[in-house]
Structures are given as structure tokens and as C-alpha cells.
Amino acid sequence: MPAGVAITREDYTAAELRRAAARTDDANAARRMLALAQVMDGKTRGEAAACCGMDRQTLRDWVHRYNAEGLDGLCDRSAPGARPRLSPEQGREVAELVRQGPNLAEHGVVRWRRADLARMIEQRYGVTLAERSVGALLHRLGFRRISVRPRAPQQDAATQAAHKKTLPIWSQPASHCARAASRSNFGGRMKPASASREP
């Protein structure tokens, strides 16, 4: 059987690796640190791997990562994901369009929906996006699903202001003491039946 890969880094002793494993919030990295600590203590690779829930080859791969990168190499890495379909410049243009809102004459809508944005992106950039992908794009651009009420194209600010002036002006609510004094006796103590009868 070939010899296992040697741990060449000397940054941490086995005891220090155990202390680092106890401090970390990453359970997977802690398990790998403990496996390396057992190897440093003289256990065989097979024993250390089995004790920490992995096989010898997996432990060997983590030894390579630890030798190259130290403790940071024992943490899981997130997958890079798919390359964005729109360039950063195109993304900025879409964000500006969303901020400005649609033009009824040009876009045929008074409020952007994901389906409308998908259609506009395909017309402008030749990129077909599903509605879910448009939602993810908007999230990356800093937009949230809550939006203001759409503004009707025929909306007249002067008429709205005149309407607001005709609404009644409500008085201040009564204080707590005044409300308590005016409260009815509903639910209060009842008189004894004999007291309410006439003699």
C-alpha cells in the first residue's frame, strides 16, 4: 500500500488543531481538523479517516488542501455558478429602466412585471430569460418585490390635491382620561335583584 501524503505544514500542532476545531462554526471544517490532528498524533490514515466519517482518499485530498492553503483550505467552497447572461453594462441599463418605470406608449404597460422585462431584454439584447431568472437578476441589482402602486397615465396631480382639500379634518383623539370618564357602565356590577324591585 502506498504511503500516505505527509502533512508538511507546521503552523499548528495537533492540540492547536483541536482547539481551532472547537472554536469554528463550520462543522465540516472541524471534522477535517480533527482528522488531521489524529494523523499528527500517530494514528494511521485509515483510522483517522474512519473516526471522522470519511475514507482514506478523501482525507488525502484534505491533507493536500491543508498543505497548500492552511486552515482556510479545510473549509467548503461555494460553487461559482453559471456565468451571467447579461454583461455588467447591460445589467446597469436594465436597472435604470426599472428605476424610470415603463413608458406606456413605448412598452405598452404602466408597471414592470417580470414577463414584461423578459420580453424587453430579449428585444434589446437578444437574451432569452425565464421569469425566475429575471427575478434573480432584479435581486442582484438590488431591487425587491415590494413596489409602489403604479401611476395611471391620465393621473392629474392638481385634481388629486383639490380632492384632498375637501376631505374632513379629523379632530385629535380624546385623551385616555376623557375616554375613561365617558365610557358606559356596560359590564359593571349589577344591583342585587331585591334592590331593583319596587316594594
Protein backbone atom coordinates (compact mmCIF):
# COMPACT_ATOMS: atom_id res chain seq x y z
CA MET A 1 0.00 0.00 0.00
CA PRO A 2 1.46 3.42 -0.92
CA ALA A 3 2.46 5.75 1.90
CA GLY A 4 0.03 8.48 2.83
CA VAL A 5 0.66 12.12 1.93
CA ALA A 6 2.66 13.78 4.69
CA ILE A 7 1.37 16.84 6.50
CA THR A 8 4.09 19.37 5.72
CA ARG A 9 2.65 22.50 7.32
CA GLU A 10 3.89 23.25 10.80
CA ASP A 11 1.55 26.17 11.59
CA TYR A 12 -0.46 24.15 14.10
CA THR A 13 0.21 21.24 16.42
CA ALA A 14 -2.39 18.51 16.92
CA ALA A 15 -3.60 20.20 20.11
CA GLU A 16 -3.90 23.57 18.35
CA LEU A 17 -5.90 21.97 15.54
CA ARG A 18 -8.29 20.53 18.13
CA ARG A 19 -8.70 23.95 19.73
CA ALA A 20 -9.35 25.53 16.31
CA ALA A 21 -11.94 22.81 15.60
CA ALA A 22 -13.70 23.63 18.89
CA ARG A 23 -13.84 27.35 18.03
CA THR A 24 -15.11 27.14 14.45
CA ASP A 25 -18.79 27.26 13.44
CA ASP A 26 -18.09 25.15 10.34
CA ALA A 27 -18.82 21.55 11.35
CA ASN A 28 -17.24 20.07 8.20
CA ALA A 29 -14.01 22.03 8.64
CA ALA A 30 -13.92 20.99 12.32
CA ARG A 31 -14.21 17.32 11.34
CA ARG A 32 -11.30 17.70 8.90
CA MET A 33 -9.16 19.44 11.52
CA LEU A 34 -9.80 16.61 13.97
CA ALA A 35 -8.82 14.03 11.34
CA LEU A 36 -5.54 15.85 10.68
CA ALA A 37 -4.91 16.12 14.42
CA GLN A 38 -5.30 12.35 14.77
CA VAL A 39 -2.81 11.79 11.93
CA MET A 40 -0.35 14.12 13.69
CA ASP A 41 -0.84 12.10 16.88
CA GLY A 42 0.32 8.98 15.04
CA LYS A 43 -2.91 7.24 14.03
CA THR A 44 -2.99 5.59 10.63
CA ARG A 45 -4.75 7.39 7.78
CA GLY A 46 -7.44 4.71 7.71
CA GLU A 47 -8.15 5.02 11.43
CA ALA A 48 -8.23 8.82 11.36
CA ALA A 49 -10.48 8.84 8.28
CA ALA A 50 -12.91 6.28 9.69
CA CYS A 51 -13.04 8.06 13.05
CA CYS A 52 -14.09 11.32 11.32
CA GLY A 53 -16.57 9.83 8.84
CA MET A 54 -14.55 9.87 5.61
CA ASP A 55 -12.47 7.48 3.54
CA ARG A 56 -8.68 7.48 3.10
CA GLN A 57 -8.79 9.14 -0.32
CA THR A 58 -10.94 11.99 0.98
CA LEU A 59 -8.56 12.51 3.90
CA ARG A 60 -5.65 12.51 1.44
CA ASP A 61 -7.35 15.27 -0.59
CA TRP A 62 -7.83 17.36 2.58
CA VAL A 63 -4.18 16.89 3.52
CA HIS A 64 -3.22 18.30 0.10
CA ARG A 65 -5.55 21.29 0.62
CA TYR A 66 -4.22 21.88 4.15
CA ASN A 67 -0.61 21.73 2.96
CA ALA A 68 -1.34 24.26 0.23
CA GLU A 69 -3.73 26.67 2.00
CA GLY A 70 -3.67 26.02 5.74
CA LEU A 71 -6.90 26.09 7.75
CA ASP A 72 -8.70 28.06 5.03
CA GLY A 73 -8.23 25.10 2.70
CA LEU A 74 -10.33 22.89 5.02
CA CYS A 75 -13.48 25.00 4.52
CA ASP A 76 -16.09 24.17 1.89
CA ARG A 77 -16.07 26.37 -1.18
CA SER A 78 -19.24 27.56 -2.84
CA ALA A 79 -19.65 26.69 -6.50
CA PRO A 80 -19.07 29.67 -8.81
CA GLY A 81 -22.44 29.20 -10.54
CA ALA A 82 -23.37 29.96 -14.10
CA ARG A 83 -21.91 32.95 -15.92
CA PRO A 84 -24.39 35.87 -16.04
CA ARG A 85 -26.27 36.08 -19.32
CA LEU A 86 -26.15 39.88 -19.36
CA SER A 87 -22.96 41.96 -19.20
CA PRO A 88 -22.49 44.38 -16.28
CA GLU A 89 -23.25 47.28 -18.62
CA GLN A 90 -26.49 45.65 -19.78
CA GLY A 91 -27.41 44.97 -16.16
CA ARG A 92 -26.95 48.67 -15.33
CA GLU A 93 -29.18 49.61 -18.29
CA VAL A 94 -31.92 47.23 -17.07
CA ALA A 95 -31.64 48.70 -13.56
CA GLU A 96 -32.05 52.22 -14.94
CA LEU A 97 -35.10 51.14 -16.96
CA VAL A 98 -36.67 49.63 -13.84
CA ARG A 99 -35.97 52.82 -11.84
CA GLN A 100 -37.53 55.04 -14.53
CA GLY A 101 -40.55 52.78 -14.98
CA PRO A 102 -42.12 51.82 -18.29
CA ASN A 103 -43.40 54.23 -20.91
CA LEU A 104 -46.95 53.26 -21.87
CA ALA A 105 -46.53 54.39 -25.47
CA GLU A 106 -43.23 52.53 -25.93
CA HIS A 107 -43.60 49.47 -23.69
CA GLY A 108 -47.39 49.05 -23.58
CA VAL A 109 -47.51 48.65 -19.78
CA VAL A 110 -47.82 51.00 -16.81
CA ARG A 111 -45.86 48.78 -14.40
CA TRP A 112 -42.98 46.36 -14.97
CA ARG A 113 -43.69 42.69 -14.45
CA ARG A 114 -41.04 40.05 -14.81
CA ALA A 115 -42.66 38.81 -18.02
CA ASP A 116 -42.55 42.34 -19.47
CA LEU A 117 -38.89 42.75 -18.52
CA ALA A 118 -38.04 39.35 -20.02
CA ARG A 119 -39.67 40.41 -23.30
CA MET A 120 -37.84 43.76 -23.27
CA ILE A 121 -34.47 42.09 -22.51
CA GLU A 122 -34.96 39.68 -25.40
CA GLN A 123 -35.85 42.52 -27.79
CA ARG A 124 -32.90 44.72 -26.74
CA TYR A 125 -30.13 42.23 -26.09
CA GLY A 126 -31.23 39.02 -27.80
CA VAL A 127 -31.05 37.14 -24.48
CA THR A 128 -33.95 34.90 -23.51
CA LEU A 129 -34.54 34.79 -19.76
CA ALA A 130 -37.21 32.92 -17.81
CA GLU A 131 -39.31 34.95 -15.38
CA ARG A 132 -37.48 33.34 -12.46
CA SER A 133 -34.14 34.39 -13.96
CA VAL A 134 -35.45 37.95 -14.34
CA GLY A 135 -36.39 37.87 -10.64
CA ALA A 136 -32.87 36.69 -9.73
CA LEU A 137 -31.39 39.46 -11.91
CA LEU A 138 -33.51 42.10 -10.18
CA HIS A 139 -32.44 40.75 -6.79
CA ARG A 140 -28.76 41.00 -7.79
CA LEU A 141 -29.38 44.56 -8.98
CA GLY A 142 -30.74 45.48 -5.54
CA PHE A 143 -34.48 45.51 -6.28
CA ARG A 144 -37.06 43.86 -4.05
CA ARG A 145 -40.53 42.56 -4.85
CA ILE A 146 -42.30 45.36 -2.97
CA SER A 147 -43.07 48.16 -5.39
CA VAL A 148 -45.01 51.39 -5.36
CA ARG A 149 -48.53 51.49 -6.73
CA PRO A 150 -48.45 52.08 -10.50
CA ARG A 151 -49.27 55.59 -11.67
CA ALA A 152 -52.09 55.84 -14.19
CA PRO A 153 -51.07 57.74 -17.33
CA GLN A 154 -54.13 60.08 -17.08
CA GLN A 155 -53.49 60.85 -13.41
CA ASP A 156 -53.77 64.58 -12.66
CA ALA A 157 -51.86 65.88 -9.63
CA ALA A 158 -53.93 69.10 -9.42
CA THR A 159 -57.22 67.17 -9.25
CA GLN A 160 -55.81 64.92 -6.53
CA ALA A 161 -54.66 67.93 -4.48
CA ALA A 162 -58.11 69.56 -4.80
CA HIS A 163 -59.77 66.34 -3.69
CA LYS A 164 -57.55 66.12 -0.61
CA LYS A 165 -58.61 69.63 0.44
CA THR A 166 -62.30 68.60 0.53
CA LEU A 167 -61.72 65.76 2.98
CA PRO A 168 -62.89 66.47 6.56
CA ILE A 169 -60.28 67.43 9.13
CA TRP A 170 -60.41 64.95 11.94
CA SER A 171 -60.06 66.19 15.49
CA GLN A 172 -57.41 64.86 17.84
CA PRO A 173 -58.48 61.71 19.64
CA ALA A 174 -59.70 62.21 23.19
CA SER A 175 -57.22 61.65 25.98
CA HIS A 176 -57.22 58.43 27.95
CA CYS A 177 -58.88 60.09 30.98
CA ALA A 178 -61.69 61.57 28.89
CA ARG A 179 -62.37 58.22 27.26
CA ALA A 180 -62.48 56.53 30.67
CA ALA A 181 -64.95 59.13 32.01
CA SER A 182 -67.29 58.84 29.05
CA ARG A 183 -67.23 55.06 28.98
CA SER A 184 -70.62 53.47 29.74
CA ASN A 185 -71.19 51.23 32.72
CA PHE A 186 -71.66 48.23 30.47
CA GLY A 187 -70.16 45.23 32.19
CA GLY A 188 -70.11 46.93 35.59
CA ARG A 189 -71.51 45.48 38.80
CA MET A 190 -75.19 44.69 38.75
CA LYS A 191 -77.56 45.70 41.50
CA PRO A 192 -78.97 42.91 43.60
CA ALA A 193 -82.33 41.72 42.29
CA SER A 194 -84.08 42.74 45.54
CA ALA A 195 -82.77 46.32 45.25
CA SER A 196 -84.20 46.83 41.78
CA ARG A 197 -87.72 45.71 42.68
CA GLU A 198 -90.16 48.22 43.94
CA PRO A 199 -91.80 47.42 47.32
